[in-house]
N, C-alpha and C. Protein backbone atom coordinates (compact mmCIF):
# COMPACT_ATOMS: atom_id res chain seq x y z
N UNK A 1 125.97 148.08 149.67
CA UNK A 1 126.89 147.22 149.01
C UNK A 1 126.22 146.21 148.06
N UNK A 2 126.57 146.02 146.88
CA UNK A 2 126.06 145.17 145.82
C UNK A 2 126.46 143.69 146.07
N UNK A 3 125.67 142.81 145.67
CA UNK A 3 126.03 141.46 145.60
C UNK A 3 126.72 141.14 144.20
N UNK A 4 127.56 139.89 144.19
CA UNK A 4 128.08 139.52 143.07
C UNK A 4 127.13 139.25 142.04
N UNK A 5 125.86 138.77 142.34
CA UNK A 5 124.82 138.45 141.37
C UNK A 5 124.35 139.63 140.65
N UNK A 6 124.14 140.79 141.54
CA UNK A 6 123.65 141.98 141.09
C UNK A 6 124.69 142.56 140.06
N UNK A 7 125.97 142.62 140.32
CA UNK A 7 126.95 143.04 139.40
C UNK A 7 126.94 142.05 138.16
N UNK A 8 126.88 140.96 138.18
CA UNK A 8 126.94 140.10 137.05
C UNK A 8 125.63 140.36 136.15
N UNK A 9 124.58 140.65 136.63
CA UNK A 9 123.34 140.92 135.82
C UNK A 9 123.37 142.36 135.01
N UNK A 10 124.24 143.24 135.59
CA UNK A 10 124.43 144.38 134.87
C UNK A 10 125.73 144.49 133.93
N UNK A 11 126.42 143.40 133.91
CA UNK A 11 127.53 143.52 133.01
C UNK A 11 127.06 143.47 131.43
N UNK A 12 127.53 144.44 130.75
CA UNK A 12 127.10 144.33 129.20
C UNK A 12 127.61 143.10 128.51
N UNK A 13 128.81 142.57 128.86
CA UNK A 13 129.38 141.32 128.27
C UNK A 13 129.27 140.25 129.31
N UNK A 14 128.20 139.49 129.22
CA UNK A 14 128.12 138.41 130.29
C UNK A 14 129.01 137.03 129.95
N UNK A 15 129.44 137.06 128.67
CA UNK A 15 129.98 135.76 128.12
C UNK A 15 131.28 135.50 128.98
N UNK A 16 131.43 134.28 129.34
CA UNK A 16 132.75 133.75 129.94
C UNK A 16 133.51 132.95 128.98
N UNK A 17 134.66 133.34 128.62
CA UNK A 17 135.38 132.64 127.59
C UNK A 17 136.24 131.61 128.41
N UNK A 18 136.41 130.39 127.89
CA UNK A 18 137.19 129.40 128.49
C UNK A 18 137.99 128.54 127.46
N UNK A 19 138.82 127.94 128.01
CA UNK A 19 139.72 126.98 127.26
C UNK A 19 139.92 125.71 128.09
N UNK A 20 140.40 124.56 127.42
CA UNK A 20 140.56 123.45 128.06
C UNK A 20 142.05 123.26 128.44
N UNK A 21 142.39 122.43 129.38
CA UNK A 21 143.86 122.36 129.96
C UNK A 21 144.71 121.91 128.87
N UNK A 22 144.22 121.25 127.70
CA UNK A 22 145.07 120.71 126.64
C UNK A 22 145.28 121.81 125.56
N UNK A 23 144.61 122.98 125.67
CA UNK A 23 144.80 124.08 124.63
C UNK A 23 146.15 124.76 124.73
N UNK A 24 146.73 124.91 123.59
CA UNK A 24 148.00 125.56 123.66
C UNK A 24 147.85 126.93 124.14
N UNK A 25 149.09 127.38 124.79
CA UNK A 25 149.08 128.80 125.24
C UNK A 25 148.96 129.70 123.99
N UNK A 26 149.46 129.45 122.85
CA UNK A 26 149.36 130.28 121.69
C UNK A 26 147.74 130.46 121.20
N UNK A 27 147.13 129.47 121.36
CA UNK A 27 145.60 129.47 121.12
C UNK A 27 144.86 130.22 122.05
N UNK A 28 145.21 130.12 123.36
CA UNK A 28 144.75 130.98 124.40
C UNK A 28 144.90 132.50 124.17
N UNK A 29 146.19 132.77 123.91
CA UNK A 29 146.50 134.20 123.80
C UNK A 29 145.76 134.65 122.60
N UNK A 30 145.72 134.10 121.67
CA UNK A 30 144.92 134.44 120.36
C UNK A 30 143.44 134.78 120.81
N UNK A 31 142.90 133.82 121.54
CA UNK A 31 141.50 133.95 122.07
C UNK A 31 141.29 135.20 122.90
N UNK A 32 142.33 135.61 123.78
CA UNK A 32 142.23 136.75 124.67
C UNK A 32 142.50 137.92 123.78
N UNK A 33 143.28 138.02 122.82
CA UNK A 33 143.35 139.17 121.82
C UNK A 33 142.21 139.50 121.05
N UNK A 34 141.60 138.29 120.63
CA UNK A 34 140.36 138.41 119.74
C UNK A 34 139.21 138.90 120.50
N UNK A 35 139.07 138.47 121.76
CA UNK A 35 137.93 138.99 122.62
C UNK A 35 138.25 140.41 123.52
N UNK A 36 139.47 140.72 123.49
CA UNK A 36 139.92 141.89 124.10
C UNK A 36 139.79 141.71 125.69
N UNK A 37 140.14 140.46 126.01
CA UNK A 37 140.09 140.22 127.44
C UNK A 37 141.46 139.86 128.10
N UNK A 38 141.74 139.78 129.39
CA UNK A 38 142.97 139.51 130.06
C UNK A 38 143.07 138.17 130.87
N UNK A 39 141.98 137.32 130.74
CA UNK A 39 142.03 136.16 131.48
C UNK A 39 140.95 135.20 130.80
N UNK A 40 141.19 133.76 130.91
CA UNK A 40 140.22 132.81 130.61
C UNK A 40 140.16 131.88 131.76
N UNK A 41 139.05 131.36 131.97
CA UNK A 41 138.87 130.25 132.73
C UNK A 41 139.27 128.97 132.02
N UNK A 42 139.75 128.00 132.87
CA UNK A 42 140.10 126.77 132.19
C UNK A 42 139.02 125.70 132.82
N UNK A 43 138.49 125.15 131.84
CA UNK A 43 137.42 124.05 132.20
C UNK A 43 137.82 122.67 131.53
N UNK A 44 137.65 121.69 132.58
CA UNK A 44 138.01 120.30 132.29
C UNK A 44 136.63 119.58 132.47
N UNK A 45 136.17 119.22 131.33
CA UNK A 45 134.73 118.44 131.33
C UNK A 45 133.62 119.30 132.04
N UNK A 46 133.83 120.63 131.64
CA UNK A 46 132.83 121.45 132.22
C UNK A 46 132.89 122.04 133.62
N UNK A 47 134.14 121.55 134.39
CA UNK A 47 134.33 121.86 135.72
C UNK A 47 135.38 122.87 135.67
N UNK A 48 135.42 123.91 136.69
CA UNK A 48 136.60 124.82 136.69
C UNK A 48 137.90 123.99 137.17
N UNK A 49 138.83 124.15 136.41
CA UNK A 49 140.17 123.53 136.56
C UNK A 49 141.28 124.48 136.94
N UNK A 50 141.04 125.82 136.53
CA UNK A 50 141.96 126.87 136.67
C UNK A 50 141.74 128.13 135.91
N UNK A 51 142.56 129.04 135.94
CA UNK A 51 142.54 130.30 135.46
C UNK A 51 143.79 130.73 134.74
N UNK A 52 143.84 131.29 133.55
CA UNK A 52 144.99 131.73 133.00
C UNK A 52 144.88 133.23 132.57
N UNK A 53 145.88 133.93 132.71
CA UNK A 53 145.94 135.32 132.45
C UNK A 53 147.09 135.85 131.62
N UNK A 54 147.04 136.95 131.07
CA UNK A 54 148.22 137.63 130.35
C UNK A 54 149.36 137.48 131.19
N UNK A 55 149.20 137.90 132.51
CA UNK A 55 150.25 137.84 133.59
C UNK A 55 150.99 136.55 133.37
N UNK A 56 150.21 135.35 133.49
CA UNK A 56 150.80 133.99 133.53
C UNK A 56 151.65 133.77 132.21
N UNK A 57 151.18 134.29 131.20
CA UNK A 57 151.82 134.14 129.81
C UNK A 57 153.09 134.91 129.93
N UNK A 58 153.07 136.27 130.48
CA UNK A 58 154.28 136.92 130.47
C UNK A 58 155.35 136.36 131.44
N UNK A 59 155.00 135.88 132.58
CA UNK A 59 155.98 135.49 133.50
C UNK A 59 156.30 134.05 133.17
N UNK A 60 155.43 133.24 132.77
CA UNK A 60 155.81 131.85 132.67
C UNK A 60 156.16 131.31 131.15
N UNK A 61 155.97 132.16 130.27
CA UNK A 61 156.32 131.91 128.81
C UNK A 61 157.45 132.87 128.38
N UNK A 62 157.01 134.08 128.27
CA UNK A 62 157.78 135.07 127.52
C UNK A 62 159.20 135.36 128.34
N UNK A 63 159.16 135.47 129.66
CA UNK A 63 160.30 135.67 130.42
C UNK A 63 161.35 134.50 130.35
N UNK A 64 160.61 133.30 130.22
CA UNK A 64 161.44 132.07 130.38
C UNK A 64 161.82 131.63 128.92
N UNK A 65 161.35 132.51 127.94
CA UNK A 65 161.73 132.27 126.54
C UNK A 65 161.23 130.90 126.01
N UNK A 66 160.07 130.52 126.46
CA UNK A 66 159.54 129.31 125.94
C UNK A 66 158.67 129.49 124.74
N UNK A 67 158.38 128.49 124.05
CA UNK A 67 157.39 128.62 122.87
C UNK A 67 155.95 128.39 123.22
N UNK A 68 155.19 129.32 122.88
CA UNK A 68 153.74 129.42 123.29
C UNK A 68 152.95 128.42 122.52
N UNK A 69 153.47 127.90 121.28
CA UNK A 69 152.82 126.95 120.56
C UNK A 69 153.19 125.52 121.07
N UNK A 70 154.20 125.39 121.83
CA UNK A 70 154.58 123.95 122.45
C UNK A 70 154.09 123.85 123.91
N UNK A 71 153.43 124.73 124.47
CA UNK A 71 153.11 124.61 125.97
C UNK A 71 151.41 124.61 126.00
N UNK A 72 151.23 123.79 126.80
CA UNK A 72 149.68 123.76 127.12
C UNK A 72 149.21 124.65 128.23
N UNK A 73 148.17 125.06 128.30
CA UNK A 73 147.59 125.79 129.38
C UNK A 73 147.66 125.23 130.66
N UNK A 74 147.66 123.94 130.86
CA UNK A 74 147.75 123.35 132.09
C UNK A 74 149.19 123.52 132.72
N UNK A 75 150.16 123.82 132.01
CA UNK A 75 151.46 124.09 132.45
C UNK A 75 151.72 125.47 132.96
N UNK A 76 150.75 126.45 132.63
CA UNK A 76 151.01 127.64 133.15
C UNK A 76 149.91 128.22 134.03
N UNK A 77 148.72 127.64 134.01
CA UNK A 77 147.57 128.11 134.48
C UNK A 77 147.70 128.08 136.14
N UNK A 78 146.74 128.84 136.76
CA UNK A 78 146.68 128.78 138.23
C UNK A 78 145.73 127.75 138.53
N UNK A 79 145.92 126.71 139.21
CA UNK A 79 144.96 125.54 139.36
C UNK A 79 144.30 125.81 140.76
N UNK A 80 144.93 126.53 141.62
CA UNK A 80 144.27 126.77 142.98
C UNK A 80 143.61 128.06 142.82
N UNK A 81 142.30 128.15 142.27
CA UNK A 81 141.67 129.19 142.04
C UNK A 81 140.69 129.71 143.22
N UNK A 82 140.80 130.86 143.56
CA UNK A 82 139.95 131.56 144.52
C UNK A 82 138.64 131.82 143.76
N UNK A 83 137.49 131.47 144.30
CA UNK A 83 136.10 131.87 143.67
C UNK A 83 135.18 132.60 144.74
N UNK A 84 134.38 133.08 144.32
CA UNK A 84 133.25 133.71 145.01
C UNK A 84 131.81 133.27 144.54
N UNK A 85 130.89 133.53 145.38
CA UNK A 85 129.57 133.10 145.12
C UNK A 85 128.63 134.24 144.91
N UNK A 86 127.44 133.97 144.29
CA UNK A 86 126.54 135.03 143.94
C UNK A 86 126.07 136.07 145.10
N UNK A 87 126.19 135.43 146.28
CA UNK A 87 125.68 136.29 147.44
C UNK A 87 126.89 137.06 147.99
N UNK A 88 128.09 136.92 147.66
CA UNK A 88 129.28 137.68 148.27
C UNK A 88 129.01 139.12 147.78
N UNK A 89 129.48 139.96 148.71
CA UNK A 89 129.47 141.45 148.31
C UNK A 89 130.74 141.95 147.54
N UNK A 90 130.45 142.94 146.95
CA UNK A 90 131.54 143.62 146.17
C UNK A 90 132.62 144.08 147.11
N UNK A 91 132.36 144.43 148.36
CA UNK A 91 133.42 144.82 149.33
C UNK A 91 134.23 143.58 149.55
N UNK A 92 133.57 142.40 149.88
CA UNK A 92 134.38 141.16 150.06
C UNK A 92 135.33 140.72 148.93
N UNK A 93 134.76 141.18 147.61
CA UNK A 93 135.56 140.69 146.53
C UNK A 93 136.72 141.53 146.38
N UNK A 94 136.51 142.85 146.59
CA UNK A 94 137.50 143.87 146.38
C UNK A 94 138.58 143.67 147.52
N UNK A 95 138.20 143.23 148.80
CA UNK A 95 139.30 142.99 149.67
C UNK A 95 140.16 141.73 149.31
N UNK A 96 139.30 140.69 148.82
CA UNK A 96 139.96 139.55 148.36
C UNK A 96 140.96 139.73 147.23
N UNK A 97 140.53 140.48 146.17
CA UNK A 97 141.49 140.90 145.16
C UNK A 97 142.56 141.68 145.56
N UNK A 98 142.41 142.59 146.43
CA UNK A 98 143.49 143.45 146.90
C UNK A 98 144.50 142.72 147.80
N UNK A 99 144.07 141.83 148.60
CA UNK A 99 144.82 141.05 149.54
C UNK A 99 145.78 140.15 148.61
N UNK A 100 145.07 139.37 147.72
CA UNK A 100 145.72 138.36 147.09
C UNK A 100 146.25 138.76 145.60
N UNK A 101 146.21 140.12 145.35
CA UNK A 101 146.85 140.66 144.08
C UNK A 101 146.07 139.95 142.90
N UNK A 102 144.77 139.88 142.76
CA UNK A 102 144.08 139.19 141.85
C UNK A 102 143.35 140.26 140.88
N UNK A 103 143.22 139.90 139.63
CA UNK A 103 142.52 140.68 138.77
C UNK A 103 141.09 140.18 138.29
N UNK A 104 141.01 138.82 138.66
CA UNK A 104 139.62 138.11 138.05
C UNK A 104 139.27 137.05 139.20
N UNK A 105 137.86 136.96 139.34
CA UNK A 105 137.42 135.98 140.33
C UNK A 105 136.19 135.22 139.57
N UNK A 106 136.52 134.02 139.39
CA UNK A 106 135.41 133.04 138.83
C UNK A 106 134.27 133.06 140.04
N UNK A 107 133.03 133.00 139.46
CA UNK A 107 131.87 133.02 140.27
C UNK A 107 131.26 131.79 140.10
N UNK A 108 131.01 131.00 141.32
CA UNK A 108 130.42 129.60 141.19
C UNK A 108 129.14 129.55 142.04
N UNK A 109 128.22 128.94 141.40
CA UNK A 109 126.92 128.47 142.33
C UNK A 109 126.61 127.19 142.19
N UNK A 110 126.75 126.50 143.32
CA UNK A 110 126.47 125.18 143.41
C UNK A 110 127.54 124.36 142.52
N UNK A 111 128.78 124.82 142.54
CA UNK A 111 129.80 124.30 141.95
C UNK A 111 129.85 124.45 140.51
N UNK A 112 129.04 125.18 140.01
CA UNK A 112 128.86 125.53 138.59
C UNK A 112 129.36 126.99 138.18
N UNK A 113 130.23 127.13 137.34
CA UNK A 113 130.51 128.43 136.88
C UNK A 113 129.51 129.22 136.27
N UNK A 114 129.13 130.30 136.87
CA UNK A 114 128.10 131.29 136.38
C UNK A 114 128.51 132.69 135.88
N UNK A 115 129.88 132.91 136.15
CA UNK A 115 130.38 134.23 135.65
C UNK A 115 131.74 134.45 136.07
N UNK A 116 132.24 135.51 135.68
CA UNK A 116 133.64 136.04 135.86
C UNK A 116 133.70 137.50 136.27
N UNK A 117 134.13 137.80 137.44
CA UNK A 117 134.23 139.10 137.94
C UNK A 117 135.70 139.57 137.75
N UNK A 118 135.73 140.81 137.18
CA UNK A 118 137.06 141.64 137.02
C UNK A 118 137.23 142.67 137.98
N UNK A 119 138.37 142.95 138.19
CA UNK A 119 138.53 144.27 139.24
C UNK A 119 137.97 145.36 138.54
N UNK A 120 137.87 145.61 137.26
CA UNK A 120 137.17 146.72 136.51
C UNK A 120 135.70 146.68 136.79
N UNK A 121 135.18 145.51 136.84
CA UNK A 121 133.61 145.37 137.14
C UNK A 121 133.40 146.02 138.56
N UNK A 122 134.43 145.76 139.46
CA UNK A 122 134.03 146.16 140.81
C UNK A 122 134.32 147.53 140.99
N UNK A 123 135.36 148.08 140.36
CA UNK A 123 135.55 149.56 140.37
C UNK A 123 134.42 150.38 139.77
N UNK A 124 134.01 149.95 138.60
CA UNK A 124 132.92 150.62 137.86
C UNK A 124 131.74 150.67 138.95
N UNK A 125 131.30 149.56 139.59
CA UNK A 125 130.18 149.74 140.55
C UNK A 125 130.41 150.38 141.65
N UNK A 126 131.64 150.33 142.31
CA UNK A 126 132.05 151.37 143.49
C UNK A 126 131.79 152.80 143.01
N UNK A 127 132.37 153.10 141.83
CA UNK A 127 132.24 154.51 141.49
C UNK A 127 130.78 155.00 141.38
N UNK A 128 130.02 154.00 140.65
CA UNK A 128 128.56 154.29 140.58
C UNK A 128 127.74 154.50 141.87
N UNK A 129 128.10 153.57 142.76
CA UNK A 129 127.57 153.69 144.26
C UNK A 129 127.96 154.92 144.71
N UNK A 130 129.15 155.33 144.58
CA UNK A 130 129.73 156.63 145.48
C UNK A 130 129.00 157.81 144.84
N UNK A 131 128.79 157.80 143.51
CA UNK A 131 128.30 158.97 142.71
C UNK A 131 126.68 159.02 143.09
N UNK A 132 126.09 158.01 143.29
CA UNK A 132 124.65 157.88 143.82
C UNK A 132 124.53 158.52 145.25
N UNK A 133 125.49 158.08 146.07
CA UNK A 133 125.51 158.53 147.45
C UNK A 133 125.72 160.09 147.51
N UNK A 134 126.63 160.52 146.67
CA UNK A 134 126.93 162.07 146.60
C UNK A 134 125.72 162.84 146.10
N UNK A 135 125.10 162.15 145.30
CA UNK A 135 123.83 162.91 144.71
C UNK A 135 122.65 162.93 145.85
N UNK A 136 122.61 161.92 146.52
CA UNK A 136 121.63 161.75 147.54
C UNK A 136 121.87 162.78 148.72
N UNK A 137 123.16 162.85 149.13
CA UNK A 137 123.64 163.73 150.11
C UNK A 137 123.47 165.31 149.67
N UNK A 138 123.86 165.61 148.36
CA UNK A 138 123.50 166.79 147.88
C UNK A 138 122.06 167.27 147.96
N UNK A 139 121.18 166.40 147.54
CA UNK A 139 119.74 166.55 147.58
C UNK A 139 119.26 166.80 149.05
N UNK A 140 119.84 165.94 149.80
CA UNK A 140 119.46 166.25 151.37
C UNK A 140 119.94 167.61 151.84
N UNK A 141 121.06 168.00 151.58
CA UNK A 141 121.60 169.38 151.95
C UNK A 141 120.79 170.52 151.39
N UNK A 142 120.36 170.29 150.20
CA UNK A 142 119.43 171.41 149.57
C UNK A 142 118.05 171.14 149.98
N UNK A 143 117.74 170.20 150.89
CA UNK A 143 116.34 170.04 151.37
C UNK A 143 115.35 169.49 150.42
N UNK A 144 115.79 168.80 149.35
CA UNK A 144 114.99 168.36 148.35
C UNK A 144 114.31 166.93 148.68
């Protein structure tokens, strides 16, 4: 089972995009669209203040027929963010995401944001681990 640190090291796109709590929702959605991502961390003076996702936008802006240019991120973000650390395992992260219906987990080391883990990152590594195990078992069965 891989650690969060190992998964982060292998991510081709290691950049974590962020906005401030005062950023408008429209600006944040434009950034997500530009970068092809589904969530942004919200940093207040460099510290994790929350996370905002396309789901937040859909449920708290679009469905309520609010104007994205008139609302700040602080009004729709999730402020009580679950985080993981570099030594946590992929299994723990998958269980946390499944139980809490999350798609993204900020990674903190000594209180500092060092990465963002998505459910896609975890699925990719789970598939790779299983493929490797299958290959090893096939080699064992063939006596190699």
